[in-house]
Amino acid sequence: MPPNPTPVLTLSSLTISTLLLLTSFILTTYTLTTYLHQATHLTSLVAKVHIYNHPILITTSYHIFATIFTSAVFLTLAFTTRRSTSKSTSAPVSWVLKGSVVLGLIFLTASLIAFTVILATGEVGFGASVGPRVTVYLDESANELVYRDDGTGVAGVVLGWVGWGAGVVSCVMMFVGGRRNGTNEEGDMEKEVNVEEESEVGSDSGRRE
């Protein structure tokens, strides 16, 4: 029977997904740091300014948590897959680890959807105490002050979505590979039983002769 390529493909996709998610984590952390720096800078310029940045701060913080949790689960799964491929017989992945992978993908999906929506629609908001055109006071060129770093944030979201896709592929191959291994083991056991029965029948017929 040829070797099952599923563990090798799963390990490759897990490695790619983990690297992409870690890169997304770094970019998101930089984005969050930039947001906090801008908020501090605006507050120092105008003490009465009210910055409504809770959605973007909550979303980026949650995305950081989701990427760290999912990357840790993927690394654990990659280590388990690597160890099983080094052995002659591949052990099935535990249901606890499978559940953690699915939970991590759920966390990551929610964070990516929220982060995408926030980056597409979220801008800085100011309170009425300093007037609606506070940006004119802060910047005489009258350019709108957008409270986000589009380049870094969008790059983090895009890499996060690609890593999410690789993670879904890994999850599918993990479940499919587990089912194939179970089917192969059942088939091997049936073959062993049939061989034993045939050997017993042959020995009985030999004794009768």
Protein backbone atom coordinates (compact mmCIF):
# COMPACT_ATOMS: atom_id res chain seq x y z
CA MET A 1 0.00 0.00 0.00
CA PRO A 2 1.52 3.39 -0.99
CA PRO A 3 2.19 5.89 1.82
CA ASN A 4 -0.56 8.35 2.62
CA PRO A 5 0.54 11.87 1.47
CA THR A 6 -2.06 13.59 3.67
CA PRO A 7 0.22 14.14 6.74
CA VAL A 8 2.93 15.74 4.57
CA LEU A 9 0.44 18.06 2.86
CA THR A 10 -1.14 18.91 6.20
CA LEU A 11 2.27 19.76 7.68
CA SER A 12 3.11 22.01 4.71
CA SER A 13 -0.19 23.89 4.82
CA LEU A 14 0.05 24.25 8.60
CA THR A 15 3.54 25.74 8.29
CA ILE A 16 2.41 28.22 5.63
CA SER A 17 -0.70 29.16 7.62
CA THR A 18 1.28 29.67 10.84
CA LEU A 19 3.85 31.92 9.13
CA LEU A 20 1.11 34.02 7.53
CA LEU A 21 -0.81 34.34 10.80
CA LEU A 22 2.32 35.36 12.70
CA THR A 23 3.05 37.99 10.05
CA SER A 24 -0.55 39.22 10.34
CA PHE A 25 -0.08 39.37 14.12
CA ILE A 26 3.02 41.55 13.73
CA LEU A 27 1.29 43.92 11.30
CA THR A 28 -1.82 44.13 13.48
CA THR A 29 0.28 44.86 16.55
CA TYR A 30 2.02 47.65 14.65
CA THR A 31 -1.37 49.01 13.55
CA LEU A 32 -2.67 49.00 17.11
CA THR A 33 0.47 50.75 18.33
CA THR A 34 0.02 53.39 15.62
CA TYR A 35 -3.60 53.97 16.63
CA LEU A 36 -2.63 54.43 20.28
CA HIS A 37 0.19 56.79 19.32
CA GLN A 38 -2.17 58.88 17.18
CA ALA A 39 -4.71 59.03 20.00
CA THR A 40 -2.07 60.23 22.45
CA HIS A 41 -0.83 62.80 19.94
CA LEU A 42 -4.32 64.18 19.29
CA THR A 43 -5.10 64.37 22.99
CA SER A 44 -1.88 66.29 23.62
CA LEU A 45 -2.79 68.81 20.90
CA VAL A 46 -6.41 69.31 21.93
CA ALA A 47 -7.22 68.33 25.48
CA LYS A 48 -10.99 68.42 24.89
CA VAL A 49 -10.95 66.14 21.88
CA HIS A 50 -12.99 62.94 22.17
CA ILE A 51 -11.70 60.09 20.07
CA TYR A 52 -14.21 57.35 19.36
CA ASN A 53 -11.77 54.56 18.64
CA HIS A 54 -13.20 51.76 20.76
CA PRO A 55 -14.28 49.57 17.80
CA ILE A 56 -10.86 49.64 16.13
CA LEU A 57 -9.02 49.06 19.41
CA ILE A 58 -11.27 46.16 20.39
CA THR A 59 -11.07 44.64 16.91
CA THR A 60 -7.30 44.81 16.62
CA SER A 61 -6.84 43.47 20.15
CA TYR A 62 -9.19 40.57 19.45
CA HIS A 63 -7.42 39.84 16.15
CA ILE A 64 -4.10 39.70 17.98
CA PHE A 65 -5.58 37.19 20.44
CA ALA A 66 -7.12 35.11 17.62
CA THR A 67 -3.88 34.93 15.62
CA ILE A 68 -1.82 33.96 18.68
CA PHE A 69 -4.31 31.28 19.77
CA THR A 70 -4.68 29.82 16.28
CA SER A 71 -0.92 29.88 15.63
CA ALA A 72 -0.27 28.05 18.91
CA VAL A 73 -2.83 25.38 18.01
CA PHE A 74 -1.42 25.02 14.49
CA LEU A 75 2.12 24.66 15.86
CA THR A 76 0.92 21.93 18.24
CA LEU A 77 -0.85 20.16 15.39
CA ALA A 78 2.22 20.48 13.16
CA PHE A 79 4.43 18.99 15.88
CA THR A 80 1.98 16.11 16.33
CA THR A 81 1.80 15.51 12.58
CA ARG A 82 5.59 15.67 12.27
CA ARG A 83 6.03 13.13 15.04
CA SER A 84 3.44 10.77 13.55
CA THR A 85 5.02 10.90 10.09
CA SER A 86 8.42 9.93 11.54
CA LYS A 87 6.92 6.71 12.86
CA SER A 88 5.96 3.67 10.83
CA THR A 89 2.32 3.87 11.94
CA SER A 90 0.56 7.25 12.02
CA ALA A 91 -1.48 7.84 15.17
CA PRO A 92 -4.83 9.64 14.76
CA VAL A 93 -5.13 13.22 15.96
CA SER A 94 -6.96 13.54 19.27
CA TRP A 95 -10.43 15.06 19.31
CA VAL A 96 -9.23 17.68 21.79
CA LEU A 97 -6.70 18.97 19.28
CA LYS A 98 -9.23 18.80 16.47
CA GLY A 99 -11.69 20.79 18.55
CA SER A 100 -8.99 23.37 19.34
CA VAL A 101 -8.24 23.74 15.63
CA VAL A 102 -11.92 24.30 14.80
CA LEU A 103 -12.26 26.76 17.71
CA GLY A 104 -9.19 28.66 16.53
CA LEU A 105 -10.61 28.90 13.01
CA ILE A 106 -13.90 30.22 14.43
CA PHE A 107 -12.03 32.87 16.46
CA LEU A 108 -9.95 33.80 13.43
CA THR A 109 -12.96 34.01 11.12
CA ALA A 110 -14.81 36.35 13.47
CA SER A 111 -11.76 38.58 13.98
CA LEU A 112 -11.00 38.82 10.25
CA ILE A 113 -14.58 39.71 9.37
CA ALA A 114 -14.72 42.37 12.09
CA PHE A 115 -11.27 43.74 11.22
CA THR A 116 -12.18 43.93 7.52
CA VAL A 117 -15.39 45.83 8.26
CA ILE A 118 -13.64 48.22 10.65
CA LEU A 119 -10.84 48.99 8.20
CA ALA A 120 -13.35 49.61 5.42
CA THR A 121 -15.60 51.94 7.43
CA GLY A 122 -13.78 53.10 10.56
CA GLU A 123 -12.57 56.68 10.82
CA VAL A 124 -11.74 58.82 13.80
CA GLY A 125 -14.67 60.57 15.44
CA PHE A 126 -14.53 63.83 17.39
CA GLY A 127 -16.78 65.14 20.11
CA ALA A 128 -18.97 68.20 19.72
CA SER A 129 -17.00 70.14 22.34
CA VAL A 130 -14.31 71.13 19.86
CA GLY A 131 -16.50 71.45 16.78
CA PRO A 132 -16.94 69.27 13.71
CA ARG A 133 -14.00 70.82 11.87
CA VAL A 134 -11.36 70.15 14.47
CA THR A 135 -9.17 68.75 11.71
CA VAL A 136 -8.88 72.26 10.30
CA TYR A 137 -7.50 73.42 13.63
CA LEU A 138 -5.04 70.56 13.81
CA ASP A 139 -4.04 70.74 10.17
CA GLU A 140 -4.25 74.05 8.33
CA SER A 141 -4.24 72.28 4.97
CA ALA A 142 -7.75 71.06 5.84
CA ASN A 143 -6.94 67.47 4.98
CA GLU A 144 -9.22 64.95 6.59
CA LEU A 145 -7.49 63.17 9.44
CA VAL A 146 -8.22 59.47 9.00
CA TYR A 147 -7.58 57.47 12.13
CA ARG A 148 -6.10 54.35 10.58
CA ASP A 149 -3.03 53.07 8.81
CA ASP A 150 -4.48 51.63 5.63
CA GLY A 151 -1.33 50.03 4.26
CA THR A 152 -0.32 48.09 7.34
CA GLY A 153 -3.86 47.24 8.40
CA VAL A 154 -4.94 46.01 4.98
CA ALA A 155 -1.76 43.94 4.62
CA GLY A 156 -2.44 42.34 7.99
CA VAL A 157 -6.01 41.51 7.00
CA VAL A 158 -5.02 40.09 3.60
CA LEU A 159 -2.32 37.87 5.08
CA GLY A 160 -4.75 36.83 7.79
CA TRP A 161 -7.33 35.74 5.21
CA VAL A 162 -4.70 33.78 3.25
CA GLY A 163 -3.53 32.12 6.45
CA TRP A 164 -7.16 31.37 7.30
CA GLY A 165 -7.59 29.66 3.93
CA ALA A 166 -4.49 27.53 4.47
CA GLY A 167 -5.77 26.65 7.93
CA VAL A 168 -9.12 25.52 6.53
CA VAL A 169 -7.32 23.33 4.00
CA SER A 170 -5.25 21.82 6.83
CA CYS A 171 -8.38 21.18 8.87
CA VAL A 172 -10.12 19.44 5.95
CA MET A 173 -7.08 17.28 5.18
CA MET A 174 -6.75 16.41 8.85
CA PHE A 175 -10.31 15.08 9.06
CA VAL A 176 -10.10 13.33 5.68
CA GLY A 177 -6.75 11.78 6.58
CA GLY A 178 -8.13 10.52 9.88
CA ARG A 179 -11.04 8.85 8.14
CA ARG A 180 -8.75 7.25 5.57
CA ASN A 181 -6.45 5.93 8.27
CA GLY A 182 -9.41 4.47 10.11
CA THR A 183 -10.70 2.83 6.92
CA ASN A 184 -7.26 1.42 6.12
CA GLU A 185 -6.88 0.03 9.62
CA GLU A 186 -10.29 -1.65 9.41
CA GLY A 187 -9.38 -3.11 6.01
CA ASP A 188 -6.06 -4.41 7.33
CA MET A 189 -7.79 -6.01 10.30
CA GLU A 190 -10.32 -7.69 8.02
CA LYS A 191 -7.50 -9.00 5.83
CA GLU A 192 -5.68 -10.38 8.86
CA VAL A 193 -8.86 -12.11 10.04
CA ASN A 194 -9.43 -13.60 6.60
CA VAL A 195 -5.84 -14.84 6.41
CA GLU A 196 -6.13 -16.42 9.84
CA GLU A 197 -9.41 -18.11 8.88
CA GLU A 198 -7.89 -19.43 5.65
CA SER A 199 -4.86 -20.76 7.49
CA GLU A 200 -7.09 -22.48 10.03
CA VAL A 201 -9.21 -24.04 7.27
CA GLY A 202 -6.07 -25.22 5.48
CA SER A 203 -4.64 -26.76 8.63
CA ASP A 204 -7.93 -28.52 9.38
CA SER A 205 -8.14 -29.96 5.87
CA GLY A 206 -4.53 -31.12 6.10
CA ARG A 207 -5.24 -32.92 9.33
CA ARG A 208 -8.29 -34.66 7.85
CA GLU A 209 -6.25 -35.94 4.93
